[in-house]
Amino acid sequence: MHETRHETLRVPLIVAATVCLALTPSRGQQTAVHKPSVAELVKMLHSEDWTKRSMAYEQLRSNPTALRNPKVQAELINLLDRKSKESNARVHAAQMLLAVLEPRT
């Protein structure tokens, strides 16, 4: 039996196509990403990890329903207050360091 070049390539192409299809999830099989609830996002505003705080802030900021929630509003104001105090403390520390390092004339 004499195989043509087309028939020789057919099996590897079928195998490659099957592997690609098997590894590609269909719409119904895609893994659902957990979207944190508003309560979880509010809790994340107190995280030590700034990336978590930032992500929570961004998600709350882009949620008009959450922004109307008095608890969310209060927590966002608390976050702003904490950040302001941290900034003020850094400025004060820098001023103290400059005062120490400044040559006296």
PDB file of N, CA and C in Angstrom:
ATOM      1  N   MET A   1       0.846  -1.163   0.000  1.00  0.00           N
ATOM      2  CA  MET A   1       0.000   0.000   0.000  1.00  0.00           C
ATOM      3  C   MET A   1       0.897   1.234   0.000  1.00  0.00           C
ATOM      4  N   HIS A   2       0.563   2.205  -0.810  1.00  0.00           N
ATOM      5  CA  HIS A   2       1.382   3.392  -0.985  1.00  0.00           C
ATOM      6  C   HIS A   2       0.664   4.591  -0.355  1.00  0.00           C
ATOM      7  N   GLU A   3       1.236   5.126   0.754  1.00  0.00           N
ATOM      8  CA  GLU A   3       0.624   6.266   1.433  1.00  0.00           C
ATOM      9  C   GLU A   3       1.066   7.564   0.773  1.00  0.00           C
ATOM     10  N   THR A   4       0.145   8.472   0.642  1.00  0.00           N
ATOM     11  CA  THR A   4       0.501   9.784   0.125  1.00  0.00           C
ATOM     12  C   THR A   4       0.938  10.665   1.281  1.00  0.00           C
ATOM     13  N   ARG A   5       1.563  11.771   0.922  1.00  0.00           N
ATOM     14  CA  ARG A   5       2.034  12.702   1.953  1.00  0.00           C
ATOM     15  C   ARG A   5       0.854  13.222   2.779  1.00  0.00           C
ATOM     16  N   HIS A   6      -0.265  13.433   2.142  1.00  0.00           N
ATOM     17  CA  HIS A   6      -1.469  13.921   2.824  1.00  0.00           C
ATOM     18  C   HIS A   6      -1.931  12.928   3.889  1.00  0.00           C
ATOM     19  N   GLU A   7      -1.938  11.671   3.567  1.00  0.00           N
ATOM     20  CA  GLU A   7      -2.370  10.652   4.524  1.00  0.00           C
ATOM     21  C   GLU A   7      -1.379  10.510   5.669  1.00  0.00           C
ATOM     22  N   THR A   8      -0.079  10.741   5.413  1.00  0.00           N
ATOM     23  CA  THR A   8       0.955  10.625   6.433  1.00  0.00           C
ATOM     24  C   THR A   8       0.807  11.747   7.468  1.00  0.00           C
ATOM     25  N   LEU A   9       0.427  12.924   7.028  1.00  0.00           N
ATOM     26  CA  LEU A   9       0.285  14.057   7.942  1.00  0.00           C
ATOM     27  C   LEU A   9      -1.061  14.087   8.654  1.00  0.00           C
ATOM     28  N   ARG A  10      -2.005  13.318   8.172  1.00  0.00           N
ATOM     29  CA  ARG A  10      -3.352  13.364   8.716  1.00  0.00           C
ATOM     30  C   ARG A  10      -3.403  12.941  10.187  1.00  0.00           C
ATOM     31  N   VAL A  11      -2.752  11.884  10.561  1.00  0.00           N
ATOM     32  CA  VAL A  11      -2.808  11.390  11.944  1.00  0.00           C
ATOM     33  C   VAL A  11      -2.192  12.393  12.924  1.00  0.00           C
ATOM     34  N   PRO A  12      -0.977  12.925  12.662  1.00  0.00           N
ATOM     35  CA  PRO A  12      -0.437  13.909  13.606  1.00  0.00           C
ATOM     36  C   PRO A  12      -1.307  15.171  13.714  1.00  0.00           C
ATOM     37  N   LEU A  13      -1.923  15.592  12.620  1.00  0.00           N
ATOM     38  CA  LEU A  13      -2.797  16.758  12.664  1.00  0.00           C
ATOM     39  C   LEU A  13      -4.045  16.485  13.488  1.00  0.00           C
ATOM     40  N   ILE A  14      -4.602  15.305  13.362  1.00  0.00           N
ATOM     41  CA  ILE A  14      -5.785  14.935  14.150  1.00  0.00           C
ATOM     42  C   ILE A  14      -5.421  14.899  15.638  1.00  0.00           C
ATOM     43  N   VAL A  15      -4.254  14.338  15.958  1.00  0.00           N
ATOM     44  CA  VAL A  15      -3.814  14.270  17.349  1.00  0.00           C
ATOM     45  C   VAL A  15      -3.600  15.683  17.900  1.00  0.00           C
ATOM     46  N   ALA A  16      -2.953  16.550  17.137  1.00  0.00           N
ATOM     47  CA  ALA A  16      -2.703  17.921  17.594  1.00  0.00           C
ATOM     48  C   ALA A  16      -4.016  18.672  17.799  1.00  0.00           C
ATOM     49  N   ALA A  17      -4.946  18.514  16.879  1.00  0.00           N
ATOM     50  CA  ALA A  17      -6.244  19.192  17.008  1.00  0.00           C
ATOM     51  C   ALA A  17      -6.991  18.680  18.226  1.00  0.00           C
ATOM     52  N   THR A  18      -6.955  17.383  18.476  1.00  0.00           N
ATOM     53  CA  THR A  18      -7.630  16.795  19.630  1.00  0.00           C
ATOM     54  C   THR A  18      -7.038  17.329  20.936  1.00  0.00           C
ATOM     55  N   VAL A  19      -5.720  17.415  21.011  1.00  0.00           N
ATOM     56  CA  VAL A  19      -5.060  17.929  22.211  1.00  0.00           C
ATOM     57  C   VAL A  19      -5.456  19.390  22.438  1.00  0.00           C
ATOM     58  N   CYS A  20      -5.446  20.196  21.387  1.00  0.00           N
ATOM     59  CA  CYS A  20      -5.823  21.615  21.519  1.00  0.00           C
ATOM     60  C   CYS A  20      -7.259  21.747  22.007  1.00  0.00           C
ATOM     61  N   LEU A  21      -8.159  20.976  21.451  1.00  0.00           N
ATOM     62  CA  LEU A  21      -9.559  21.045  21.861  1.00  0.00           C
ATOM     63  C   LEU A  21      -9.748  20.576  23.302  1.00  0.00           C
ATOM     64  N   ALA A  22      -8.990  19.587  23.693  1.00  0.00           N
ATOM     65  CA  ALA A  22      -9.112  19.053  25.052  1.00  0.00           C
ATOM     66  C   ALA A  22      -8.600  20.060  26.081  1.00  0.00           C
ATOM     67  N   LEU A  23      -7.591  20.847  25.710  1.00  0.00           N
ATOM     68  CA  LEU A  23      -7.006  21.799  26.645  1.00  0.00           C
ATOM     69  C   LEU A  23      -7.733  23.139  26.668  1.00  0.00           C
ATOM     70  N   THR A  24      -8.595  23.393  25.712  1.00  0.00           N
ATOM     71  CA  THR A  24      -9.331  24.654  25.639  1.00  0.00           C
ATOM     72  C   THR A  24     -10.690  24.476  26.296  1.00  0.00           C
ATOM     73  N   PRO A  25     -10.944  25.174  27.424  1.00  0.00           N
ATOM     74  CA  PRO A  25     -12.244  25.013  28.088  1.00  0.00           C
ATOM     75  C   PRO A  25     -13.358  25.646  27.255  1.00  0.00           C
ATOM     76  N   SER A  26     -14.480  24.994  27.258  1.00  0.00           N
ATOM     77  CA  SER A  26     -15.637  25.564  26.563  1.00  0.00           C
ATOM     78  C   SER A  26     -16.286  26.592  27.470  1.00  0.00           C
ATOM     79  N   ARG A  27     -17.247  27.328  26.959  1.00  0.00           N
ATOM     80  CA  ARG A  27     -17.893  28.375  27.754  1.00  0.00           C
ATOM     81  C   ARG A  27     -18.483  27.836  29.054  1.00  0.00           C
ATOM     82  N   GLY A  28     -19.094  26.694  29.006  1.00  0.00           N
ATOM     83  CA  GLY A  28     -19.728  26.129  30.192  1.00  0.00           C
ATOM     84  C   GLY A  28     -18.743  25.575  31.189  1.00  0.00           C
ATOM     85  N   GLN A  29     -17.513  25.286  30.750  1.00  0.00           N
ATOM     86  CA  GLN A  29     -16.530  24.681  31.633  1.00  0.00           C
ATOM     87  C   GLN A  29     -15.579  25.683  32.248  1.00  0.00           C
ATOM     88  N   GLN A  30     -15.637  26.938  31.855  1.00  0.00           N
ATOM     89  CA  GLN A  30     -14.710  27.916  32.388  1.00  0.00           C
ATOM     90  C   GLN A  30     -14.921  28.068  33.888  1.00  0.00           C
ATOM     91  N   THR A  31     -13.822  28.184  34.591  1.00  0.00           N
ATOM     92  CA  THR A  31     -13.864  28.314  36.041  1.00  0.00           C
ATOM     93  C   THR A  31     -14.362  29.709  36.411  1.00  0.00           C
ATOM     94  N   ALA A  32     -15.327  29.749  37.278  1.00  0.00           N
ATOM     95  CA  ALA A  32     -15.866  31.032  37.727  1.00  0.00           C
ATOM     96  C   ALA A  32     -14.893  31.668  38.712  1.00  0.00           C
ATOM     97  N   VAL A  33     -14.623  32.940  38.527  1.00  0.00           N
ATOM     98  CA  VAL A  33     -13.743  33.678  39.427  1.00  0.00           C
ATOM     99  C   VAL A  33     -14.590  34.190  40.585  1.00  0.00           C
ATOM    100  N   HIS A  34     -14.096  33.957  41.793  1.00  0.00           N
ATOM    101  CA  HIS A  34     -14.822  34.403  42.982  1.00  0.00           C
ATOM    102  C   HIS A  34     -14.781  35.921  43.040  1.00  0.00           C
ATOM    103  N   LYS A  35     -15.936  36.540  43.056  1.00  0.00           N
ATOM    104  CA  LYS A  35     -16.035  37.991  43.185  1.00  0.00           C
ATOM    105  C   LYS A  35     -16.392  38.283  44.634  1.00  0.00           C
ATOM    106  N   PRO A  36     -15.499  38.983  45.340  1.00  0.00           N
ATOM    107  CA  PRO A  36     -15.769  39.237  46.758  1.00  0.00           C
ATOM    108  C   PRO A  36     -17.049  40.048  46.960  1.00  0.00           C
ATOM    109  N   SER A  37     -17.735  39.750  48.039  1.00  0.00           N
ATOM    110  CA  SER A  37     -18.939  40.499  48.390  1.00  0.00           C
ATOM    111  C   SER A  37     -18.529  41.869  48.915  1.00  0.00           C
ATOM    112  N   VAL A  38     -19.492  42.758  49.043  1.00  0.00           N
ATOM    113  CA  VAL A  38     -19.223  44.092  49.583  1.00  0.00           C
ATOM    114  C   VAL A  38     -18.658  43.975  50.999  1.00  0.00           C
ATOM    115  N   ALA A  39     -19.210  43.071  51.796  1.00  0.00           N
ATOM    116  CA  ALA A  39     -18.712  42.875  53.166  1.00  0.00           C
ATOM    117  C   ALA A  39     -17.252  42.417  53.157  1.00  0.00           C
ATOM    118  N   GLU A  40     -16.915  41.513  52.231  1.00  0.00           N
ATOM    119  CA  GLU A  40     -15.525  41.050  52.128  1.00  0.00           C
ATOM    120  C   GLU A  40     -14.607  42.193  51.688  1.00  0.00           C
ATOM    121  N   LEU A  41     -15.093  43.013  50.767  1.00  0.00           N
ATOM    122  CA  LEU A  41     -14.285  44.141  50.291  1.00  0.00           C
ATOM    123  C   LEU A  41     -14.042  45.144  51.419  1.00  0.00           C
ATOM    124  N   VAL A  42     -15.080  45.399  52.211  1.00  0.00           N
ATOM    125  CA  VAL A  42     -14.927  46.318  53.353  1.00  0.00           C
ATOM    126  C   VAL A  42     -13.885  45.759  54.322  1.00  0.00           C
ATOM    127  N   LYS A  43     -13.928  44.475  54.568  1.00  0.00           N
ATOM    128  CA  LYS A  43     -12.953  43.845  55.462  1.00  0.00           C
ATOM    129  C   LYS A  43     -11.535  43.975  54.882  1.00  0.00           C
ATOM    130  N   MET A  44     -11.428  43.850  53.563  1.00  0.00           N
ATOM    131  CA  MET A  44     -10.120  43.944  52.911  1.00  0.00           C
ATOM    132  C   MET A  44      -9.526  45.354  52.994  1.00  0.00           C
ATOM    133  N   LEU A  45     -10.348  46.357  53.238  1.00  0.00           N
ATOM    134  CA  LEU A  45      -9.835  47.721  53.400  1.00  0.00           C
ATOM    135  C   LEU A  45      -8.912  47.832  54.616  1.00  0.00           C
ATOM    136  N   HIS A  46      -9.001  46.870  55.544  1.00  0.00           N
ATOM    137  CA  HIS A  46      -8.184  46.874  56.759  1.00  0.00           C
ATOM    138  C   HIS A  46      -6.970  45.958  56.643  1.00  0.00           C
ATOM    139  N   SER A  47      -6.761  45.375  55.466  1.00  0.00           N
ATOM    140  CA  SER A  47      -5.656  44.438  55.271  1.00  0.00           C
ATOM    141  C   SER A  47      -4.307  45.137  55.422  1.00  0.00           C
ATOM    142  N   GLU A  48      -3.329  44.402  55.904  1.00  0.00           N
ATOM    143  CA  GLU A  48      -1.958  44.911  55.974  1.00  0.00           C
ATOM    144  C   GLU A  48      -1.346  44.972  54.573  1.00  0.00           C
ATOM    145  N   ASP A  49      -1.862  44.158  53.658  1.00  0.00           N
ATOM    146  CA  ASP A  49      -1.361  44.095  52.286  1.00  0.00           C
ATOM    147  C   ASP A  49      -1.978  45.231  51.462  1.00  0.00           C
ATOM    148  N   TRP A  50      -1.154  46.175  51.032  1.00  0.00           N
ATOM    149  CA  TRP A  50      -1.673  47.343  50.320  1.00  0.00           C
ATOM    150  C   TRP A  50      -2.327  46.958  49.000  1.00  0.00           C
ATOM    151  N   THR A  51      -1.889  45.850  48.382  1.00  0.00           N
ATOM    152  CA  THR A  51      -2.504  45.449  47.111  1.00  0.00           C
ATOM    153  C   THR A  51      -3.946  45.006  47.331  1.00  0.00           C
ATOM    154  N   LYS A  52      -4.198  44.347  48.462  1.00  0.00           N
ATOM    155  CA  LYS A  52      -5.575  43.944  48.787  1.00  0.00           C
ATOM    156  C   LYS A  52      -6.438  45.165  49.086  1.00  0.00           C
ATOM    157  N   ARG A  53      -5.876  46.099  49.852  1.00  0.00           N
ATOM    158  CA  ARG A  53      -6.618  47.334  50.147  1.00  0.00           C
ATOM    159  C   ARG A  53      -6.949  48.090  48.868  1.00  0.00           C
ATOM    160  N   SER A  54      -5.968  48.174  47.983  1.00  0.00           N
ATOM    161  CA  SER A  54      -6.155  48.901  46.730  1.00  0.00           C
ATOM    162  C   SER A  54      -7.211  48.239  45.856  1.00  0.00           C
ATOM    163  N   MET A  55      -7.152  46.917  45.754  1.00  0.00           N
ATOM    164  CA  MET A  55      -8.126  46.179  44.955  1.00  0.00           C
ATOM    165  C   MET A  55      -9.533  46.353  45.526  1.00  0.00           C
ATOM    166  N   ALA A  56      -9.639  46.283  46.853  1.00  0.00           N
ATOM    167  CA  ALA A  56     -10.947  46.451  47.498  1.00  0.00           C
ATOM    168  C   ALA A  56     -11.481  47.854  47.252  1.00  0.00           C
ATOM    169  N   TYR A  57     -10.614  48.841  47.388  1.00  0.00           N
ATOM    170  CA  TYR A  57     -11.019  50.232  47.147  1.00  0.00           C
ATOM    171  C   TYR A  57     -11.520  50.402  45.709  1.00  0.00           C
ATOM    172  N   GLU A  58     -10.759  49.886  44.751  1.00  0.00           N
ATOM    173  CA  GLU A  58     -11.135  50.036  43.337  1.00  0.00           C
ATOM    174  C   GLU A  58     -12.478  49.370  43.048  1.00  0.00           C
ATOM    175  N   GLN A  59     -12.697  48.186  43.618  1.00  0.00           N
ATOM    176  CA  GLN A  59     -13.964  47.493  43.370  1.00  0.00           C
ATOM    177  C   GLN A  59     -15.134  48.218  44.038  1.00  0.00           C
ATOM    178  N   LEU A  60     -14.917  48.727  45.237  1.00  0.00           N
ATOM    179  CA  LEU A  60     -15.991  49.464  45.909  1.00  0.00           C
ATOM    180  C   LEU A  60     -16.273  50.784  45.193  1.00  0.00           C
ATOM    181  N   ARG A  61     -15.217  51.436  44.751  1.00  0.00           N
ATOM    182  CA  ARG A  61     -15.353  52.731  44.073  1.00  0.00           C
ATOM    183  C   ARG A  61     -16.140  52.602  42.773  1.00  0.00           C
ATOM    184  N   SER A  62     -16.027  51.457  42.126  1.00  0.00           N
ATOM    185  CA  SER A  62     -16.702  51.265  40.844  1.00  0.00           C
ATOM    186  C   SER A  62     -18.085  50.620  40.992  1.00  0.00           C
ATOM    187  N   ASN A  63     -18.561  50.504  42.238  1.00  0.00           N
ATOM    188  CA  ASN A  63     -19.857  49.884  42.499  1.00  0.00           C
ATOM    189  C   ASN A  63     -20.809  50.938  43.077  1.00  0.00           C
ATOM    190  N   PRO A  64     -21.663  51.535  42.227  1.00  0.00           N
ATOM    191  CA  PRO A  64     -22.554  52.604  42.700  1.00  0.00           C
ATOM    192  C   PRO A  64     -23.465  52.183  43.852  1.00  0.00           C
ATOM    193  N   THR A  65     -23.915  50.934  43.835  1.00  0.00           N
ATOM    194  CA  THR A  65     -24.780  50.449  44.914  1.00  0.00           C
ATOM    195  C   THR A  65     -24.018  50.423  46.230  1.00  0.00           C
ATOM    196  N   ALA A  66     -22.784  49.932  46.202  1.00  0.00           N
ATOM    197  CA  ALA A  66     -21.967  49.875  47.417  1.00  0.00           C
ATOM    198  C   ALA A  66     -21.674  51.274  47.945  1.00  0.00           C
ATOM    199  N   LEU A  67     -21.456  52.217  47.027  1.00  0.00           N
ATOM    200  CA  LEU A  67     -21.128  53.583  47.457  1.00  0.00           C
ATOM    201  C   LEU A  67     -22.286  54.278  48.169  1.00  0.00           C
ATOM    202  N   ARG A  68     -23.502  53.795  47.960  1.00  0.00           N
ATOM    203  CA  ARG A  68     -24.655  54.376  48.665  1.00  0.00           C
ATOM    204  C   ARG A  68     -24.832  53.772  50.057  1.00  0.00           C
ATOM    205  N   ASN A  69     -24.096  52.715  50.355  1.00  0.00           N
ATOM    206  CA  ASN A  69     -24.182  52.041  51.646  1.00  0.00           C
ATOM    207  C   ASN A  69     -23.442  52.865  52.707  1.00  0.00           C
ATOM    208  N   PRO A  70     -24.135  53.295  53.786  1.00  0.00           N
ATOM    209  CA  PRO A  70     -23.487  54.119  54.823  1.00  0.00           C
ATOM    210  C   PRO A  70     -22.256  53.446  55.450  1.00  0.00           C
ATOM    211  N   LYS A  71     -22.286  52.134  55.619  1.00  0.00           N
ATOM    212  CA  LYS A  71     -21.128  51.421  56.192  1.00  0.00           C
ATOM    213  C   LYS A  71     -19.925  51.524  55.255  1.00  0.00           C
ATOM    214  N   VAL A  72     -20.163  51.347  53.960  1.00  0.00           N
ATOM    215  CA  VAL A  72     -19.080  51.460  52.972  1.00  0.00           C
ATOM    216  C   VAL A  72     -18.541  52.891  52.973  1.00  0.00           C
ATOM    217  N   GLN A  73     -19.435  53.862  52.998  1.00  0.00           N
ATOM    218  CA  GLN A  73     -19.006  55.265  53.029  1.00  0.00           C
ATOM    219  C   GLN A  73     -18.117  55.542  54.246  1.00  0.00           C
ATOM    220  N   ALA A  74     -18.544  55.042  55.404  1.00  0.00           N
ATOM    221  CA  ALA A  74     -17.772  55.252  56.637  1.00  0.00           C
ATOM    222  C   ALA A  74     -16.405  54.574  56.548  1.00  0.00           C
ATOM    223  N   GLU A  75     -16.360  53.370  55.995  1.00  0.00           N
ATOM    224  CA  GLU A  75     -15.086  52.646  55.885  1.00  0.00           C
ATOM    225  C   GLU A  75     -14.144  53.323  54.898  1.00  0.00           C
ATOM    226  N   LEU A  76     -14.682  53.878  53.825  1.00  0.00           N
ATOM    227  CA  LEU A  76     -13.839  54.589  52.861  1.00  0.00           C
ATOM    228  C   LEU A  76     -13.289  55.877  53.482  1.00  0.00           C
ATOM    229  N   ILE A  77     -14.091  56.547  54.278  1.00  0.00           N
ATOM    230  CA  ILE A  77     -13.614  57.749  54.978  1.00  0.00           C
ATOM    231  C   ILE A  77     -12.544  57.368  55.993  1.00  0.00           C
ATOM    232  N   ASN A  78     -12.747  56.241  56.694  1.00  0.00           N
ATOM    233  CA  ASN A  78     -11.733  55.759  57.646  1.00  0.00           C
ATOM    234  C   ASN A  78     -10.421  55.451  56.930  1.00  0.00           C
ATOM    235  N   LEU A  79     -10.516  54.835  55.752  1.00  0.00           N
ATOM    236  CA  LEU A  79      -9.316  54.525  54.974  1.00  0.00           C
ATOM    237  C   LEU A  79      -8.592  55.814  54.588  1.00  0.00           C
ATOM    238  N   LEU A  80      -9.341  56.793  54.128  1.00  0.00           N
ATOM    239  CA  LEU A  80      -8.757  58.079  53.765  1.00  0.00           C
ATOM    240  C   LEU A  80      -8.086  58.732  54.973  1.00  0.00           C
ATOM    241  N   ASP A  81      -8.735  58.659  56.119  1.00  0.00           N
ATOM    242  CA  ASP A  81      -8.174  59.227  57.344  1.00  0.00           C
ATOM    243  C   ASP A  81      -6.872  58.521  57.729  1.00  0.00           C
ATOM    244  N   ARG A  82      -6.863  57.188  57.650  1.00  0.00           N
ATOM    245  CA  ARG A  82      -5.641  56.424  57.969  1.00  0.00           C
ATOM    246  C   ARG A  82      -4.508  56.801  57.028  1.00  0.00           C
ATOM    247  N   LYS A  83      -4.808  56.895  55.727  1.00  0.00           N
ATOM    248  CA  LYS A  83      -3.780  57.241  54.745  1.00  0.00           C
ATOM    249  C   LYS A  83      -3.258  58.649  54.994  1.00  0.00           C
ATOM    250  N   SER A  84      -4.144  59.561  55.374  1.00  0.00           N
ATOM    251  CA  SER A  84      -3.737  60.931  55.662  1.00  0.00           C
ATOM    252  C   SER A  84      -2.811  60.976  56.869  1.00  0.00           C
ATOM    253  N   LYS A  85      -3.155  60.222  57.918  1.00  0.00           N
ATOM    254  CA  LYS A  85      -2.311  60.181  59.119  1.00  0.00           C
ATOM    255  C   LYS A  85      -0.952  59.578  58.808  1.00  0.00           C
ATOM    256  N   GLU A  86      -0.926  58.522  57.966  1.00  0.00           N
ATOM    257  CA  GLU A  86       0.347  57.907  57.580  1.00  0.00           C
ATOM    258  C   GLU A  86       1.208  58.910  56.815  1.00  0.00           C
ATOM    259  N   SER A  87       0.575  59.651  55.915  1.00  0.00           N
ATOM    260  CA  SER A  87       1.308  60.648  55.132  1.00  0.00           C
ATOM    261  C   SER A  87       1.855  61.745  56.032  1.00  0.00           C
ATOM    262  N   ASN A  88       1.031  62.197  56.965  1.00  0.00           N
ATOM    263  CA  ASN A  88       1.474  63.235  57.897  1.00  0.00           C
ATOM    264  C   ASN A  88       2.632  62.738  58.750  1.00  0.00           C
ATOM    265  N   ALA A  89       2.575  61.497  59.178  1.00  0.00           N
ATOM    266  CA  ALA A  89       3.652  60.927  59.990  1.00  0.00           C
ATOM    267  C   ALA A  89       4.944  60.837  59.174  1.00  0.00           C
ATOM    268  N   ARG A  90       4.839  60.480  57.908  1.00  0.00           N
ATOM    269  CA  ARG A  90       6.028  60.406  57.044  1.00  0.00           C
ATOM    270  C   ARG A  90       6.631  61.796  56.834  1.00  0.00           C
ATOM    271  N   VAL A  91       5.775  62.781  56.615  1.00  0.00           N
ATOM    272  CA  VAL A  91       6.267  64.150  56.425  1.00  0.00           C
ATOM    273  C   VAL A  91       6.972  64.620  57.694  1.00  0.00           C
ATOM    274  N   HIS A  92       6.374  64.356  58.841  1.00  0.00           N
ATOM    275  CA  HIS A  92       6.971  64.755  60.120  1.00  0.00           C
ATOM    276  C   HIS A  92       8.319  64.063  60.316  1.00  0.00           C
ATOM    277  N   ALA A  93       8.398  62.775  60.014  1.00  0.00           N
ATOM    278  CA  ALA A  93       9.653  62.036  60.163  1.00  0.00           C
ATOM    279  C   ALA A  93      10.720  62.591  59.223  1.00  0.00           C
ATOM    280  N   ALA A  94      10.332  62.934  58.001  1.00  0.00           N
ATOM    281  CA  ALA A  94      11.288  63.503  57.047  1.00  0.00           C
ATOM    282  C   ALA A  94      11.784  64.863  57.531  1.00  0.00           C
ATOM    283  N   GLN A  95      10.882  65.656  58.084  1.00  0.00           N
ATOM    284  CA  GLN A  95      11.274  66.967  58.611  1.00  0.00           C
ATOM    285  C   GLN A  95      12.250  66.816  59.774  1.00  0.00           C
ATOM    286  N   MET A  96      11.992  65.843  60.626  1.00  0.00           N
ATOM    287  CA  MET A  96      12.886  65.588  61.767  1.00  0.00           C
ATOM    288  C   MET A  96      14.263  65.151  61.266  1.00  0.00           C
ATOM    289  N   LEU A  97      14.302  64.285  60.283  1.00  0.00           N
ATOM    290  CA  LEU A  97      15.561  63.809  59.728  1.00  0.00           C
ATOM    291  C   LEU A  97      16.333  64.959  59.093  1.00  0.00           C
ATOM    292  N   LEU A  98      15.642  65.804  58.347  1.00  0.00           N
ATOM    293  CA  LEU A  98      16.302  66.958  57.734  1.00  0.00           C
ATOM    294  C   LEU A  98      16.853  67.900  58.793  1.00  0.00           C
ATOM    295  N   ALA A  99      16.113  68.083  59.879  1.00  0.00           N
ATOM    296  CA  ALA A  99      16.573  68.965  60.948  1.00  0.00           C
ATOM    297  C   ALA A  99      17.855  68.429  61.584  1.00  0.00           C
ATOM    298  N   VAL A 100      17.943  67.123  61.714  1.00  0.00           N
ATOM    299  CA  VAL A 100      19.128  66.496  62.308  1.00  0.00           C
ATOM    300  C   VAL A 100      20.318  66.576  61.351  1.00  0.00           C
ATOM    301  N   LEU A 101      20.048  66.361  60.067  1.00  0.00           N
ATOM    302  CA  LEU A 101      21.118  66.333  59.083  1.00  0.00           C
ATOM    303  C   LEU A 101      21.542  67.712  58.584  1.00  0.00           C
ATOM    304  N   GLU A 102      20.725  68.711  58.810  1.00  0.00           N
ATOM    305  CA  GLU A 102      20.990  70.061  58.326  1.00  0.00           C
ATOM    306  C   GLU A 102      22.213  70.633  59.047  1.00  0.00           C
ATOM    307  N   PRO A 103      23.175  71.121  58.270  1.00  0.00           N
ATOM    308  CA  PRO A 103      24.361  71.702  58.935  1.00  0.00           C
ATOM    309  C   PRO A 103      23.984  72.985  59.673  1.00  0.00           C
ATOM    310  N   ARG A 104      24.568  73.122  60.831  1.00  0.00           N
ATOM    311  CA  ARG A 104      24.286  74.316  61.652  1.00  0.00           C
ATOM    312  C   ARG A 104      25.303  75.389  61.336  1.00  0.00           C
ATOM    313  N   THR A 105      24.798  76.575  61.162  1.00  0.00           N
ATOM    314  CA  THR A 105      25.709  77.680  60.858  1.00  0.00           C
ATOM    315  C   THR A 105      25.762  78.685  61.979  1.00  0.00           C
TER     316      THR A 105
END
